[in-house]
Every structure is written in C-alpha cells, then in structure tokens.
Amino acid sequence: MKKEGGATRINLAEQAEAVQAVLHKAVQHAIWTHKRLGNPIAVWKDGRVVIIPPEEIVLSSEFPQQKE
C-alpha cells in the first residue's frame, strides 16, 4: 500500500493470489451452505444455465466439512 495525498493506494495485482484464495473460500462456503440447506445451485455449462439439485452438489475436498 502507498500513501498519496492522504489516500491509500492498494495494488491489487500484488495481492492477486490472496484475493483469489479469499474469493474461492467464499464460493466454497456458499456451495456448502446451499447443499446443507437443501437449495439447488445454478452453474454455467456449455453456454447454458444448469440447475444442480442439492443432492448432486459435489463439495470440494479442500473445503473442510463443517458441523451443522
């Protein structure tokens, strides 16, 4: 971060990996929440929107299973 004229400038390019990791974790949490609550998710596949029912949602192995 750089201070310029009282404002703080943030170079997101320098923090791209950290930002991507946080966003990935947020998406994984949202998918887990949808599955847990029994809600479907919508995904883009082959140029179309596809609705995936909660029982077919596959959770990433890198996202730890949380207790309900």
Protein backbone atom coordinates (compact mmCIF):
# COMPACT_ATOMS: atom_id res chain seq x y z
CA MET A 1 0.00 0.00 0.00
CA LYS A 2 1.15 3.51 -0.76
CA LYS A 3 0.02 6.78 0.78
CA GLU A 4 -0.59 9.52 -1.79
CA GLY A 5 -2.13 12.83 -0.82
CA GLY A 6 -3.93 11.39 2.21
CA ALA A 7 -5.40 8.47 0.25
CA THR A 8 -4.16 4.91 0.47
CA ARG A 9 -3.47 3.24 -2.86
CA ILE A 10 -3.70 -0.53 -2.98
CA ASN A 11 -2.06 -2.51 -5.77
CA LEU A 12 -4.41 -5.48 -6.23
CA ALA A 13 -2.02 -7.10 -8.71
CA GLU A 14 0.41 -7.60 -5.83
CA GLN A 15 -2.33 -9.23 -3.77
CA ALA A 16 -3.99 -11.25 -6.56
CA GLU A 17 -3.28 -14.67 -5.05
CA ALA A 18 -4.59 -13.68 -1.63
CA VAL A 19 -7.72 -12.12 -3.15
CA GLN A 20 -8.32 -15.21 -5.29
CA ALA A 21 -7.94 -17.51 -2.26
CA VAL A 22 -10.47 -15.50 -0.24
CA LEU A 23 -12.97 -15.49 -3.11
CA HIS A 24 -12.51 -19.24 -3.65
CA LYS A 25 -13.17 -19.92 0.03
CA ALA A 26 -16.30 -17.73 -0.10
CA VAL A 27 -17.66 -19.63 -3.11
CA GLN A 28 -16.95 -22.98 -1.46
CA HIS A 29 -18.75 -21.82 1.68
CA ALA A 30 -21.77 -20.68 -0.38
CA ILE A 31 -21.93 -24.05 -2.17
CA TRP A 32 -21.66 -25.90 1.14
CA THR A 33 -24.44 -23.73 2.60
CA HIS A 34 -26.74 -24.39 -0.37
CA LYS A 35 -26.21 -28.15 -0.08
CA ARG A 36 -26.72 -28.13 3.69
CA LEU A 37 -29.95 -26.12 3.43
CA GLY A 38 -31.27 -28.24 0.56
CA ASN A 39 -31.12 -25.47 -2.04
CA PRO A 40 -30.03 -26.03 -5.65
CA ILE A 41 -27.25 -24.04 -7.30
CA ALA A 42 -27.11 -22.63 -10.82
CA VAL A 43 -23.98 -23.10 -12.93
CA TRP A 44 -22.99 -22.16 -16.46
CA LYS A 45 -22.28 -25.25 -18.60
CA ASP A 46 -21.85 -25.45 -22.37
CA GLY A 47 -23.34 -21.99 -22.88
CA ARG A 48 -26.44 -22.68 -20.79
CA VAL A 49 -27.57 -22.29 -17.21
CA VAL A 50 -27.89 -25.66 -15.48
CA ILE A 51 -29.62 -26.12 -12.12
CA ILE A 52 -27.94 -28.67 -9.87
CA PRO A 53 -30.15 -30.13 -7.11
CA PRO A 54 -28.61 -30.20 -3.62
CA GLU A 55 -28.23 -33.99 -3.60
CA GLU A 56 -26.00 -33.75 -6.72
CA ILE A 57 -23.77 -30.93 -5.44
CA VAL A 58 -20.19 -32.19 -5.09
CA LEU A 59 -18.19 -30.46 -2.38
CA SER A 60 -14.52 -29.72 -2.90
CA SER A 61 -12.23 -31.94 -0.85
CA GLU A 62 -10.19 -28.85 0.07
CA PHE A 63 -13.16 -27.34 1.90
CA PRO A 64 -13.47 -28.99 5.31
CA GLN A 65 -16.84 -30.40 6.23
CA GLN A 66 -18.38 -28.19 8.88
CA LYS A 67 -20.56 -29.35 11.72
CA GLU A 68 -24.21 -28.42 11.48
